[in-house]
């Protein structure tokens, strides 16, 4: 397959489109108004180093921490990641923002080789804690704000970890709503994963990897050029 610049630009754009499809799939299938009306969420695709290579126009504060989530997943699980695994994380010290903003991440494989991490972060209407909605102005410690999810597998190799999900939903005042939003997050990640796999089948894994690398290098060049425009001091 040709490695010409035109092909790489097509691949770069298609990776962004995969993220955009994930964004719209999440918003259109979520159950909470804070997701489908307020759009309090973000999505992204990371490479195997955890660097964000594609995103959609979600909440900037969420998009800006998705790479931390990807790196947390890679650091914690590394070679233990399997096709169909889904990891949940909401600890502010590692994945940013507050407990209601829950990140889900899913590895994407091609013939047993990890090629990407698809992930999203959405505001869950409830995560437990001392007040309904998990919003509080009078808490004295984070444990009063809701349940903490320290990058745990809620799915293993495509199968739900029922015990873990039971703990999450039992500590929740709106379990049906929360489950619906979580399933919307999962479904949207599967959309992006399918798009990435389709690109690999059409263009080859090597070209998709090269396009990911070019996104990073082009972004660095563009940022450096803009920085040069700033006045000294």
C-alpha atoms as a PDB file:
ATOM      1  CA  UNK A   1       0.000   0.000   0.000  1.00  0.00           C
ATOM      2  CA  UNK A   2       1.288   3.441  -0.953  1.00  0.00           C
ATOM      3  CA  UNK A   3       2.634   5.660   1.816  1.00  0.00           C
ATOM      4  CA  UNK A   4       2.019   8.883  -0.111  1.00  0.00           C
ATOM      5  CA  UNK A   5       0.893  11.998   1.729  1.00  0.00           C
ATOM      6  CA  UNK A   6      -2.601  11.816   0.256  1.00  0.00           C
ATOM      7  CA  UNK A   7      -3.210   8.366   1.732  1.00  0.00           C
ATOM      8  CA  UNK A   8      -1.874   9.448   5.113  1.00  0.00           C
ATOM      9  CA  UNK A   9      -4.122  12.527   5.123  1.00  0.00           C
ATOM     10  CA  UNK A  10      -7.123  10.337   4.311  1.00  0.00           C
ATOM     11  CA  UNK A  11      -6.220   8.056   7.201  1.00  0.00           C
ATOM     12  CA  UNK A  12      -5.678  10.972   9.580  1.00  0.00           C
ATOM     13  CA  UNK A  13      -9.088  12.372   8.733  1.00  0.00           C
ATOM     14  CA  UNK A  14     -10.743   8.965   9.061  1.00  0.00           C
ATOM     15  CA  UNK A  15      -9.329   8.538  12.560  1.00  0.00           C
ATOM     16  CA  UNK A  16     -10.896  11.866  13.522  1.00  0.00           C
ATOM     17  CA  UNK A  17     -14.173  10.748  11.929  1.00  0.00           C
ATOM     18  CA  UNK A  18     -14.053   7.577  14.047  1.00  0.00           C
ATOM     19  CA  UNK A  19     -13.854   9.778  17.148  1.00  0.00           C
ATOM     20  CA  UNK A  20     -16.692  11.966  15.881  1.00  0.00           C
ATOM     21  CA  UNK A  21     -18.881   8.910  15.286  1.00  0.00           C
ATOM     22  CA  UNK A  22     -18.152   7.790  18.843  1.00  0.00           C
ATOM     23  CA  UNK A  23     -19.198  11.230  20.077  1.00  0.00           C
ATOM     24  CA  UNK A  24     -22.547  11.217  18.301  1.00  0.00           C
ATOM     25  CA  UNK A  25     -23.272   7.578  19.157  1.00  0.00           C
ATOM     26  CA  UNK A  26     -22.740   8.326  22.852  1.00  0.00           C
ATOM     27  CA  UNK A  27     -24.956  11.412  22.803  1.00  0.00           C
ATOM     28  CA  UNK A  28     -27.789   9.801  20.849  1.00  0.00           C
ATOM     29  CA  UNK A  29     -28.001   6.656  22.989  1.00  0.00           C
ATOM     30  CA  UNK A  30     -27.447   8.078  26.504  1.00  0.00           C
ATOM     31  CA  UNK A  31     -30.365   8.238  28.936  1.00  0.00           C
ATOM     32  CA  UNK A  32     -29.387  11.313  30.974  1.00  0.00           C
ATOM     33  CA  UNK A  33     -30.290  14.833  29.753  1.00  0.00           C
ATOM     34  CA  UNK A  34     -26.919  16.023  31.034  1.00  0.00           C
ATOM     35  CA  UNK A  35     -25.411  13.869  28.277  1.00  0.00           C
ATOM     36  CA  UNK A  36     -27.820  14.133  25.343  1.00  0.00           C
ATOM     37  CA  UNK A  37     -28.856  17.772  25.901  1.00  0.00           C
ATOM     38  CA  UNK A  38     -26.068  19.454  27.858  1.00  0.00           C
ATOM     39  CA  UNK A  39     -23.382  17.405  26.039  1.00  0.00           C
ATOM     40  CA  UNK A  40     -21.373  17.046  29.239  1.00  0.00           C
ATOM     41  CA  UNK A  41     -18.962  14.491  27.817  1.00  0.00           C
ATOM     42  CA  UNK A  42     -15.976  13.962  25.539  1.00  0.00           C
ATOM     43  CA  UNK A  43     -14.411  11.150  23.543  1.00  0.00           C
ATOM     44  CA  UNK A  44     -10.985  10.312  22.193  1.00  0.00           C
ATOM     45  CA  UNK A  45      -8.677   7.785  20.582  1.00  0.00           C
ATOM     46  CA  UNK A  46      -5.192   7.206  21.979  1.00  0.00           C
ATOM     47  CA  UNK A  47      -2.213   5.366  20.531  1.00  0.00           C
ATOM     48  CA  UNK A  48      -0.374   2.570  22.323  1.00  0.00           C
ATOM     49  CA  UNK A  49       1.634   5.113  24.338  1.00  0.00           C
ATOM     50  CA  UNK A  50      -1.528   6.751  25.612  1.00  0.00           C
ATOM     51  CA  UNK A  51      -1.107   9.863  23.457  1.00  0.00           C
ATOM     52  CA  UNK A  52      -4.397  11.304  22.205  1.00  0.00           C
ATOM     53  CA  UNK A  53      -4.489  11.203  18.405  1.00  0.00           C
ATOM     54  CA  UNK A  54      -8.150  12.007  17.731  1.00  0.00           C
ATOM     55  CA  UNK A  55     -11.071  13.603  19.513  1.00  0.00           C
ATOM     56  CA  UNK A  56     -14.445  15.223  18.850  1.00  0.00           C
ATOM     57  CA  UNK A  57     -15.764  18.635  19.978  1.00  0.00           C
ATOM     58  CA  UNK A  58     -16.691  17.628  23.525  1.00  0.00           C
ATOM     59  CA  UNK A  59     -16.043  19.345  26.858  1.00  0.00           C
ATOM     60  CA  UNK A  60     -12.452  20.683  26.619  1.00  0.00           C
ATOM     61  CA  UNK A  61     -11.797  19.950  30.284  1.00  0.00           C
ATOM     62  CA  UNK A  62     -12.639  16.308  29.620  1.00  0.00           C
ATOM     63  CA  UNK A  63     -10.716  16.045  26.353  1.00  0.00           C
ATOM     64  CA  UNK A  64      -7.660  17.446  28.098  1.00  0.00           C
ATOM     65  CA  UNK A  65      -7.452  14.579  30.582  1.00  0.00           C
ATOM     66  CA  UNK A  66      -8.330  11.614  28.355  1.00  0.00           C
ATOM     67  CA  UNK A  67      -4.656  10.914  27.702  1.00  0.00           C
ATOM     68  CA  UNK A  68      -4.113  10.597  31.466  1.00  0.00           C
ATOM     69  CA  UNK A  69      -6.833   7.953  31.533  1.00  0.00           C
ATOM     70  CA  UNK A  70      -5.255   6.041  28.633  1.00  0.00           C
ATOM     71  CA  UNK A  71      -1.835   6.142  30.284  1.00  0.00           C
ATOM     72  CA  UNK A  72      -3.319   5.044  33.604  1.00  0.00           C
ATOM     73  CA  UNK A  73      -4.898   2.020  31.896  1.00  0.00           C
ATOM     74  CA  UNK A  74      -1.669   1.111  30.097  1.00  0.00           C
ATOM     75  CA  UNK A  75       0.414   1.505  33.247  1.00  0.00           C
ATOM     76  CA  UNK A  76      -1.930  -0.537  35.419  1.00  0.00           C
ATOM     77  CA  UNK A  77      -2.785  -3.368  33.021  1.00  0.00           C
ATOM     78  CA  UNK A  78      -0.063  -3.344  30.350  1.00  0.00           C
ATOM     79  CA  UNK A  79       0.163  -6.793  28.790  1.00  0.00           C
ATOM     80  CA  UNK A  80      -2.903  -7.965  30.714  1.00  0.00           C
ATOM     81  CA  UNK A  81      -5.247  -6.048  28.420  1.00  0.00           C
ATOM     82  CA  UNK A  82      -7.451  -8.290  26.287  1.00  0.00           C
ATOM     83  CA  UNK A  83      -9.904  -7.821  23.443  1.00  0.00           C
ATOM     84  CA  UNK A  84     -13.254  -6.855  24.959  1.00  0.00           C
ATOM     85  CA  UNK A  85     -11.875  -5.432  28.214  1.00  0.00           C
ATOM     86  CA  UNK A  86     -13.541  -2.230  29.408  1.00  0.00           C
ATOM     87  CA  UNK A  87     -12.031  -0.189  32.218  1.00  0.00           C
ATOM     88  CA  UNK A  88     -13.817   2.416  34.350  1.00  0.00           C
ATOM     89  CA  UNK A  89     -12.039   5.251  36.141  1.00  0.00           C
ATOM     90  CA  UNK A  90     -13.207   8.358  37.987  1.00  0.00           C
ATOM     91  CA  UNK A  91     -10.535   9.061  40.615  1.00  0.00           C
ATOM     92  CA  UNK A  92      -9.740  12.790  40.199  1.00  0.00           C
ATOM     93  CA  UNK A  93      -6.077  12.357  41.128  1.00  0.00           C
ATOM     94  CA  UNK A  94      -5.468  10.120  38.106  1.00  0.00           C
ATOM     95  CA  UNK A  95      -8.242  10.812  35.605  1.00  0.00           C
ATOM     96  CA  UNK A  96      -9.175  14.403  36.384  1.00  0.00           C
ATOM     97  CA  UNK A  97     -12.359  16.365  37.270  1.00  0.00           C
ATOM     98  CA  UNK A  98     -14.820  15.052  39.899  1.00  0.00           C
ATOM     99  CA  UNK A  99     -16.354  11.675  40.739  1.00  0.00           C
ATOM    100  CA  UNK A 100     -19.461  12.130  38.569  1.00  0.00           C
ATOM    101  CA  UNK A 101     -17.255  12.328  35.481  1.00  0.00           C
ATOM    102  CA  UNK A 102     -16.633   8.671  34.742  1.00  0.00           C
ATOM    103  CA  UNK A 103     -14.151   7.592  32.072  1.00  0.00           C
ATOM    104  CA  UNK A 104     -14.439   4.304  30.213  1.00  0.00           C
ATOM    105  CA  UNK A 105     -11.591   2.903  28.118  1.00  0.00           C
ATOM    106  CA  UNK A 106     -11.403  -0.051  25.743  1.00  0.00           C
ATOM    107  CA  UNK A 107      -8.314  -1.478  24.022  1.00  0.00           C
ATOM    108  CA  UNK A 108      -8.441  -2.124  20.277  1.00  0.00           C
ATOM    109  CA  UNK A 109      -6.525  -5.109  18.923  1.00  0.00           C
ATOM    110  CA  UNK A 110      -5.533  -6.406  15.503  1.00  0.00           C
ATOM    111  CA  UNK A 111      -4.448 -10.045  15.506  1.00  0.00           C
ATOM    112  CA  UNK A 112      -3.591  -9.928  19.228  1.00  0.00           C
ATOM    113  CA  UNK A 113      -1.595  -6.704  18.826  1.00  0.00           C
ATOM    114  CA  UNK A 114      -2.741  -3.615  20.696  1.00  0.00           C
ATOM    115  CA  UNK A 115      -3.219  -0.777  18.215  1.00  0.00           C
ATOM    116  CA  UNK A 116      -5.226   1.864  20.096  1.00  0.00           C
ATOM    117  CA  UNK A 117      -7.265   2.782  23.141  1.00  0.00           C
ATOM    118  CA  UNK A 118     -10.746   4.218  22.567  1.00  0.00           C
ATOM    119  CA  UNK A 119     -12.175   6.106  25.503  1.00  0.00           C
ATOM    120  CA  UNK A 120     -14.749   8.591  26.660  1.00  0.00           C
ATOM    121  CA  UNK A 121     -15.685  10.547  29.758  1.00  0.00           C
ATOM    122  CA  UNK A 122     -19.254  11.435  30.660  1.00  0.00           C
ATOM    123  CA  UNK A 123     -21.044  13.025  33.591  1.00  0.00           C
ATOM    124  CA  UNK A 124     -23.051  10.370  35.417  1.00  0.00           C
ATOM    125  CA  UNK A 125     -26.089  11.837  37.163  1.00  0.00           C
ATOM    126  CA  UNK A 126     -25.385   9.769  40.277  1.00  0.00           C
ATOM    127  CA  UNK A 127     -22.389   8.034  41.820  1.00  0.00           C
ATOM    128  CA  UNK A 128     -23.575   7.751  45.417  1.00  0.00           C
ATOM    129  CA  UNK A 129     -22.260   9.855  48.265  1.00  0.00           C
ATOM    130  CA  UNK A 130     -23.954  11.883  50.979  1.00  0.00           C
ATOM    131  CA  UNK A 131     -26.337  13.870  48.738  1.00  0.00           C
ATOM    132  CA  UNK A 132     -28.592  13.024  45.814  1.00  0.00           C
ATOM    133  CA  UNK A 133     -26.826  13.674  42.528  1.00  0.00           C
ATOM    134  CA  UNK A 134     -23.446  13.335  44.245  1.00  0.00           C
ATOM    135  CA  UNK A 135     -23.061  17.120  44.374  1.00  0.00           C
ATOM    136  CA  UNK A 136     -22.073  18.512  47.737  1.00  0.00           C
ATOM    137  CA  UNK A 137     -20.805  21.783  49.145  1.00  0.00           C
ATOM    138  CA  UNK A 138     -20.417  20.558  52.702  1.00  0.00           C
ATOM    139  CA  UNK A 139     -18.305  17.425  52.342  1.00  0.00           C
ATOM    140  CA  UNK A 140     -15.048  17.232  54.250  1.00  0.00           C
ATOM    141  CA  UNK A 141     -13.471  14.359  52.321  1.00  0.00           C
ATOM    142  CA  UNK A 142     -13.778  12.826  48.878  1.00  0.00           C
ATOM    143  CA  UNK A 143     -15.354   9.623  50.210  1.00  0.00           C
ATOM    144  CA  UNK A 144     -18.513  11.597  50.981  1.00  0.00           C
ATOM    145  CA  UNK A 145     -18.901  12.509  47.305  1.00  0.00           C
ATOM    146  CA  UNK A 146     -19.481   9.043  45.887  1.00  0.00           C
ATOM    147  CA  UNK A 147     -17.902   5.782  44.846  1.00  0.00           C
ATOM    148  CA  UNK A 148     -14.309   5.823  43.570  1.00  0.00           C
ATOM    149  CA  UNK A 149     -13.419   3.650  40.571  1.00  0.00           C
ATOM    150  CA  UNK A 150      -9.612   3.257  40.395  1.00  0.00           C
ATOM    151  CA  UNK A 151      -9.284   1.982  36.795  1.00  0.00           C
ATOM    152  CA  UNK A 152     -11.165  -1.281  37.278  1.00  0.00           C
ATOM    153  CA  UNK A 153     -12.322  -3.755  34.641  1.00  0.00           C
ATOM    154  CA  UNK A 154     -16.097  -3.700  34.351  1.00  0.00           C
ATOM    155  CA  UNK A 155     -15.870  -6.043  31.337  1.00  0.00           C
ATOM    156  CA  UNK A 156     -13.286  -8.782  30.846  1.00  0.00           C
ATOM    157  CA  UNK A 157     -12.806 -10.178  27.331  1.00  0.00           C
ATOM    158  CA  UNK A 158     -16.269  -9.017  26.325  1.00  0.00           C
ATOM    159  CA  UNK A 159     -18.095 -10.368  29.365  1.00  0.00           C
ATOM    160  CA  UNK A 160     -19.510  -8.077  32.078  1.00  0.00           C
ATOM    161  CA  UNK A 161     -17.950  -8.401  35.527  1.00  0.00           C
ATOM    162  CA  UNK A 162     -21.292  -8.771  37.271  1.00  0.00           C
ATOM    163  CA  UNK A 163     -19.970  -8.461  40.819  1.00  0.00           C
ATOM    164  CA  UNK A 164     -18.187  -5.197  40.026  1.00  0.00           C
ATOM    165  CA  UNK A 165     -21.212  -3.773  38.211  1.00  0.00           C
ATOM    166  CA  UNK A 166     -23.469  -4.795  41.100  1.00  0.00           C
ATOM    167  CA  UNK A 167     -21.287  -2.832  43.520  1.00  0.00           C
ATOM    168  CA  UNK A 168     -21.326   0.250  41.264  1.00  0.00           C
ATOM    169  CA  UNK A 169     -25.082   0.217  40.668  1.00  0.00           C
ATOM    170  CA  UNK A 170     -26.037  -0.697  44.237  1.00  0.00           C
ATOM    171  CA  UNK A 171     -24.152   2.388  45.452  1.00  0.00           C
ATOM    172  CA  UNK A 172     -26.262   4.538  43.137  1.00  0.00           C
ATOM    173  CA  UNK A 173     -29.626   6.250  43.605  1.00  0.00           C
ATOM    174  CA  UNK A 174     -30.386   6.131  39.871  1.00  0.00           C
ATOM    175  CA  UNK A 175     -29.138   2.687  38.807  1.00  0.00           C
ATOM    176  CA  UNK A 176     -31.291   2.396  35.683  1.00  0.00           C
ATOM    177  CA  UNK A 177     -30.239   5.798  34.383  1.00  0.00           C
ATOM    178  CA  UNK A 178     -26.608   5.173  35.239  1.00  0.00           C
ATOM    179  CA  UNK A 179     -26.599   1.758  33.582  1.00  0.00           C
ATOM    180  CA  UNK A 180     -28.111   3.283  30.445  1.00  0.00           C
ATOM    181  CA  UNK A 181     -25.425   5.952  30.233  1.00  0.00           C
ATOM    182  CA  UNK A 182     -22.691   3.396  30.859  1.00  0.00           C
ATOM    183  CA  UNK A 183     -24.038   1.163  28.090  1.00  0.00           C
ATOM    184  CA  UNK A 184     -24.156   4.188  25.773  1.00  0.00           C
ATOM    185  CA  UNK A 185     -20.487   4.826  26.518  1.00  0.00           C
ATOM    186  CA  UNK A 186     -19.653   1.193  25.778  1.00  0.00           C
ATOM    187  CA  UNK A 187     -21.671   1.111  22.547  1.00  0.00           C
ATOM    188  CA  UNK A 188     -20.018   4.285  21.275  1.00  0.00           C
ATOM    189  CA  UNK A 189     -16.527   2.913  21.949  1.00  0.00           C
ATOM    190  CA  UNK A 190     -17.421  -0.188  19.950  1.00  0.00           C
ATOM    191  CA  UNK A 191     -18.377   2.042  17.018  1.00  0.00           C
ATOM    192  CA  UNK A 192     -14.944   3.693  17.050  1.00  0.00           C
ATOM    193  CA  UNK A 193     -13.174   0.351  17.451  1.00  0.00           C
ATOM    194  CA  UNK A 194     -14.973  -1.034  14.391  1.00  0.00           C
ATOM    195  CA  UNK A 195     -13.953   1.993  12.337  1.00  0.00           C
ATOM    196  CA  UNK A 196     -10.304   1.589  13.320  1.00  0.00           C
ATOM    197  CA  UNK A 197     -10.348  -2.100  12.437  1.00  0.00           C
ATOM    198  CA  UNK A 198     -11.958  -1.308   9.086  1.00  0.00           C
ATOM    199  CA  UNK A 199      -9.163   1.164   8.320  1.00  0.00           C
ATOM    200  CA  UNK A 200      -6.548  -1.461   9.204  1.00  0.00           C
ATOM    201  CA  UNK A 201      -8.196  -4.024   6.935  1.00  0.00           C
ATOM    202  CA  UNK A 202      -8.356  -1.542   4.061  1.00  0.00           C
ATOM    203  CA  UNK A 203      -5.005   0.235   4.395  1.00  0.00           C
ATOM    204  CA  UNK A 204      -2.833  -2.078   6.591  1.00  0.00           C
ATOM    205  CA  UNK A 205      -1.757  -1.811  10.212  1.00  0.00           C
ATOM    206  CA  UNK A 206       1.565  -0.189   9.299  1.00  0.00           C
ATOM    207  CA  UNK A 207      -0.138   2.692   7.494  1.00  0.00           C
ATOM    208  CA  UNK A 208      -2.621   3.281  10.304  1.00  0.00           C
ATOM    209  CA  UNK A 209       0.262   3.390  12.797  1.00  0.00           C
ATOM    210  CA  UNK A 210       2.129   5.797  10.527  1.00  0.00           C
ATOM    211  CA  UNK A 211      -0.925   8.043  10.296  1.00  0.00           C
ATOM    212  CA  UNK A 212      -1.176   8.094  14.098  1.00  0.00           C
ATOM    213  CA  UNK A 213       2.481   9.071  14.365  1.00  0.00           C
ATOM    214  CA  UNK A 214       1.993  11.793  11.755  1.00  0.00           C
ATOM    215  CA  UNK A 215      -0.930  13.250  13.710  1.00  0.00           C
ATOM    216  CA  UNK A 216       1.361  13.642  16.728  1.00  0.00           C
ATOM    217  CA  UNK A 217       4.286  15.069  14.733  1.00  0.00           C
ATOM    218  CA  UNK A 218       2.086  17.437  12.705  1.00  0.00           C
ATOM    219  CA  UNK A 219       0.454  18.661  15.910  1.00  0.00           C
ATOM    220  CA  UNK A 220       3.853  19.346  17.454  1.00  0.00           C
ATOM    221  CA  UNK A 221       5.009  21.277  14.387  1.00  0.00           C
ATOM    222  CA  UNK A 222       1.829  23.364  14.310  1.00  0.00           C
ATOM    223  CA  UNK A 223       2.119  24.176  18.017  1.00  0.00           C
ATOM    224  CA  UNK A 224       5.769  25.200  17.694  1.00  0.00           C
ATOM    225  CA  UNK A 225       4.968  27.481  14.753  1.00  0.00           C
ATOM    226  CA  UNK A 226       2.259  29.256  16.743  1.00  0.00           C
ATOM    227  CA  UNK A 227       4.545  29.603  19.757  1.00  0.00           C
ATOM    228  CA  UNK A 228       7.121  31.334  17.553  1.00  0.00           C
ATOM    229  CA  UNK A 229       4.520  33.994  16.761  1.00  0.00           C
ATOM    230  CA  UNK A 230       4.337  35.051  20.402  1.00  0.00           C
ATOM    231  CA  UNK A 231       6.417  38.114  21.339  1.00  0.00           C
ATOM    232  CA  UNK A 232       9.497  37.466  23.436  1.00  0.00           C
ATOM    233  CA  UNK A 233       8.927  37.808  27.156  1.00  0.00           C
END
